[in-house]
């Protein structure tokens, strides 16, 4: 909602939602455990695995949604890789795309970027 400066976030599955801006990267929604398969809207008890949040519009200047293959390349164990953080903060999505391509992952490494005006 641009007038109220609010962002509605609905997250389900093994992807990752991040916000970047003002010199930091923040996790908005972490992936669910996909050991027994990826949770989808028709999964039994999916409502217990969803994340629904109403965020202030000042969470950052850009929002990112990453597939499981993509976010696994952004992190080393529990820490965001410095080169990944730099790319996220720069807002250069073409460079981020090249970052994933250079990793030569067998996963799809997809992401969506939304710039907040």
C-alpha atoms as a PDB file:
ATOM      1  CA  UNK A   1       0.000   0.000   0.000  1.00  0.00           C
ATOM      2  CA  UNK A   2       1.894   3.063  -1.228  1.00  0.00           C
ATOM      3  CA  UNK A   3      -0.302   5.549   0.624  1.00  0.00           C
ATOM      4  CA  UNK A   4       0.155   3.856   4.020  1.00  0.00           C
ATOM      5  CA  UNK A   5       3.724   2.695   3.281  1.00  0.00           C
ATOM      6  CA  UNK A   6       2.889  -0.934   4.119  1.00  0.00           C
ATOM      7  CA  UNK A   7       3.993  -4.171   2.474  1.00  0.00           C
ATOM      8  CA  UNK A   8       2.013  -7.397   2.790  1.00  0.00           C
ATOM      9  CA  UNK A   9       4.258 -10.468   2.741  1.00  0.00           C
ATOM     10  CA  UNK A  10       2.903 -14.006   2.384  1.00  0.00           C
ATOM     11  CA  UNK A  11       5.607 -16.670   2.392  1.00  0.00           C
ATOM     12  CA  UNK A  12       5.271 -20.427   2.041  1.00  0.00           C
ATOM     13  CA  UNK A  13       7.923 -22.944   1.082  1.00  0.00           C
ATOM     14  CA  UNK A  14      11.669 -23.321   1.056  1.00  0.00           C
ATOM     15  CA  UNK A  15      12.513 -19.953  -0.484  1.00  0.00           C
ATOM     16  CA  UNK A  16      13.928 -16.901   1.271  1.00  0.00           C
ATOM     17  CA  UNK A  17      12.659 -13.309   1.451  1.00  0.00           C
ATOM     18  CA  UNK A  18      15.200 -10.538   2.069  1.00  0.00           C
ATOM     19  CA  UNK A  19      15.126  -6.744   2.237  1.00  0.00           C
ATOM     20  CA  UNK A  20      18.192  -4.689   1.332  1.00  0.00           C
ATOM     21  CA  UNK A  21      18.898  -1.032   1.900  1.00  0.00           C
ATOM     22  CA  UNK A  22      20.554   1.540   4.157  1.00  0.00           C
ATOM     23  CA  UNK A  23      23.707  -0.579   4.331  1.00  0.00           C
ATOM     24  CA  UNK A  24      22.116  -3.783   5.621  1.00  0.00           C
ATOM     25  CA  UNK A  25      20.370  -6.944   4.434  1.00  0.00           C
ATOM     26  CA  UNK A  26      17.498  -8.252   6.546  1.00  0.00           C
ATOM     27  CA  UNK A  27      15.714 -11.624   6.486  1.00  0.00           C
ATOM     28  CA  UNK A  28      11.954 -11.110   6.166  1.00  0.00           C
ATOM     29  CA  UNK A  29      10.977 -14.783   5.903  1.00  0.00           C
ATOM     30  CA  UNK A  30      13.216 -17.814   6.296  1.00  0.00           C
ATOM     31  CA  UNK A  31      12.702 -21.089   4.439  1.00  0.00           C
ATOM     32  CA  UNK A  32      10.653 -23.878   5.952  1.00  0.00           C
ATOM     33  CA  UNK A  33      12.192 -27.296   6.461  1.00  0.00           C
ATOM     34  CA  UNK A  34      11.814 -29.187   3.186  1.00  0.00           C
ATOM     35  CA  UNK A  35      13.155 -32.565   4.339  1.00  0.00           C
ATOM     36  CA  UNK A  36       9.786 -34.143   3.568  1.00  0.00           C
ATOM     37  CA  UNK A  37       9.279 -32.110   0.388  1.00  0.00           C
ATOM     38  CA  UNK A  38       8.477 -28.506  -0.306  1.00  0.00           C
ATOM     39  CA  UNK A  39       5.367 -27.181   1.364  1.00  0.00           C
ATOM     40  CA  UNK A  40       2.721 -25.813  -1.019  1.00  0.00           C
ATOM     41  CA  UNK A  41      -0.755 -24.393  -0.462  1.00  0.00           C
ATOM     42  CA  UNK A  42      -2.335 -27.868  -0.719  1.00  0.00           C
ATOM     43  CA  UNK A  43       0.052 -29.460   1.821  1.00  0.00           C
ATOM     44  CA  UNK A  44      -1.697 -30.761   4.927  1.00  0.00           C
ATOM     45  CA  UNK A  45      -1.300 -28.230   7.777  1.00  0.00           C
ATOM     46  CA  UNK A  46       0.288 -25.696   5.397  1.00  0.00           C
ATOM     47  CA  UNK A  47      -1.205 -22.906   7.497  1.00  0.00           C
ATOM     48  CA  UNK A  48       1.312 -23.770  10.234  1.00  0.00           C
ATOM     49  CA  UNK A  49       4.213 -23.275   7.827  1.00  0.00           C
ATOM     50  CA  UNK A  50       3.182 -19.936   6.326  1.00  0.00           C
ATOM     51  CA  UNK A  51       4.575 -16.572   7.240  1.00  0.00           C
ATOM     52  CA  UNK A  52       2.207 -13.662   6.896  1.00  0.00           C
ATOM     53  CA  UNK A  53       3.549 -10.252   7.801  1.00  0.00           C
ATOM     54  CA  UNK A  54       2.527  -6.636   7.403  1.00  0.00           C
ATOM     55  CA  UNK A  55       5.756  -4.659   7.091  1.00  0.00           C
ATOM     56  CA  UNK A  56       6.495  -0.974   7.265  1.00  0.00           C
ATOM     57  CA  UNK A  57       7.451   0.376   3.861  1.00  0.00           C
ATOM     58  CA  UNK A  58      10.847   1.436   5.197  1.00  0.00           C
ATOM     59  CA  UNK A  59      12.205  -2.148   5.421  1.00  0.00           C
ATOM     60  CA  UNK A  60      14.699  -1.329   2.682  1.00  0.00           C
ATOM     61  CA  UNK A  61      14.958  -0.031  -0.834  1.00  0.00           C
ATOM     62  CA  UNK A  62      14.647  -3.458  -2.459  1.00  0.00           C
ATOM     63  CA  UNK A  63      12.890  -6.742  -1.689  1.00  0.00           C
ATOM     64  CA  UNK A  64      14.189 -10.089  -2.922  1.00  0.00           C
ATOM     65  CA  UNK A  65      12.595 -13.524  -3.123  1.00  0.00           C
ATOM     66  CA  UNK A  66      14.990 -16.424  -3.721  1.00  0.00           C
ATOM     67  CA  UNK A  67      14.406 -20.062  -4.620  1.00  0.00           C
ATOM     68  CA  UNK A  68      16.081 -22.668  -2.424  1.00  0.00           C
ATOM     69  CA  UNK A  69      18.889 -23.133  -4.938  1.00  0.00           C
ATOM     70  CA  UNK A  70      19.606 -19.403  -5.035  1.00  0.00           C
ATOM     71  CA  UNK A  71      19.638 -18.663  -1.321  1.00  0.00           C
ATOM     72  CA  UNK A  72      21.913 -21.630  -0.626  1.00  0.00           C
ATOM     73  CA  UNK A  73      24.545 -19.974  -2.834  1.00  0.00           C
ATOM     74  CA  UNK A  74      24.148 -16.635  -1.037  1.00  0.00           C
ATOM     75  CA  UNK A  75      25.022 -18.124   2.340  1.00  0.00           C
ATOM     76  CA  UNK A  76      27.983 -19.957   3.787  1.00  0.00           C
ATOM     77  CA  UNK A  77      26.531 -21.930   6.692  1.00  0.00           C
ATOM     78  CA  UNK A  78      24.542 -19.260   8.577  1.00  0.00           C
ATOM     79  CA  UNK A  79      26.310 -16.168   7.232  1.00  0.00           C
ATOM     80  CA  UNK A  80      25.564 -14.151   4.131  1.00  0.00           C
ATOM     81  CA  UNK A  81      28.616 -14.236   1.867  1.00  0.00           C
ATOM     82  CA  UNK A  82      30.264 -10.773   1.698  1.00  0.00           C
ATOM     83  CA  UNK A  83      30.141 -10.711  -2.114  1.00  0.00           C
ATOM     84  CA  UNK A  84      26.429 -11.590  -2.004  1.00  0.00           C
ATOM     85  CA  UNK A  85      25.718  -8.827   0.507  1.00  0.00           C
ATOM     86  CA  UNK A  86      27.528  -6.322  -1.687  1.00  0.00           C
ATOM     87  CA  UNK A  87      25.473  -7.373  -4.721  1.00  0.00           C
ATOM     88  CA  UNK A  88      22.194  -7.161  -2.812  1.00  0.00           C
ATOM     89  CA  UNK A  89      22.982  -3.705  -1.471  1.00  0.00           C
ATOM     90  CA  UNK A  90      24.090  -2.423  -4.882  1.00  0.00           C
ATOM     91  CA  UNK A  91      20.734  -3.283  -6.477  1.00  0.00           C
ATOM     92  CA  UNK A  92      22.528  -4.547  -9.580  1.00  0.00           C
ATOM     93  CA  UNK A  93      20.297  -7.479 -10.481  1.00  0.00           C
ATOM     94  CA  UNK A  94      22.231  -8.288 -13.678  1.00  0.00           C
ATOM     95  CA  UNK A  95      25.390  -8.720 -11.574  1.00  0.00           C
ATOM     96  CA  UNK A  96      23.423 -10.894  -9.146  1.00  0.00           C
ATOM     97  CA  UNK A  97      22.264 -13.004 -12.095  1.00  0.00           C
ATOM     98  CA  UNK A  98      25.887 -13.441 -13.223  1.00  0.00           C
ATOM     99  CA  UNK A  99      26.862 -14.398  -9.659  1.00  0.00           C
ATOM    100  CA  UNK A 100      24.428 -17.332  -9.812  1.00  0.00           C
ATOM    101  CA  UNK A 101      25.451 -18.308 -13.344  1.00  0.00           C
ATOM    102  CA  UNK A 102      29.133 -18.453 -12.347  1.00  0.00           C
ATOM    103  CA  UNK A 103      28.320 -20.881  -9.524  1.00  0.00           C
ATOM    104  CA  UNK A 104      27.137 -23.437 -12.131  1.00  0.00           C
ATOM    105  CA  UNK A 105      24.519 -24.893  -9.809  1.00  0.00           C
ATOM    106  CA  UNK A 106      22.263 -27.732 -10.919  1.00  0.00           C
ATOM    107  CA  UNK A 107      19.368 -25.938  -9.199  1.00  0.00           C
ATOM    108  CA  UNK A 108      17.352 -23.206 -10.908  1.00  0.00           C
ATOM    109  CA  UNK A 109      18.687 -20.322  -8.734  1.00  0.00           C
ATOM    110  CA  UNK A 110      15.724 -18.098  -9.502  1.00  0.00           C
ATOM    111  CA  UNK A 111      15.013 -14.786  -7.817  1.00  0.00           C
ATOM    112  CA  UNK A 112      12.629 -11.855  -7.979  1.00  0.00           C
ATOM    113  CA  UNK A 113      13.643  -8.314  -7.139  1.00  0.00           C
ATOM    114  CA  UNK A 114      11.217  -5.488  -6.345  1.00  0.00           C
ATOM    115  CA  UNK A 115      12.490  -1.941  -5.935  1.00  0.00           C
ATOM    116  CA  UNK A 116      10.549   0.103  -3.381  1.00  0.00           C
ATOM    117  CA  UNK A 117       9.887   3.669  -4.482  1.00  0.00           C
END
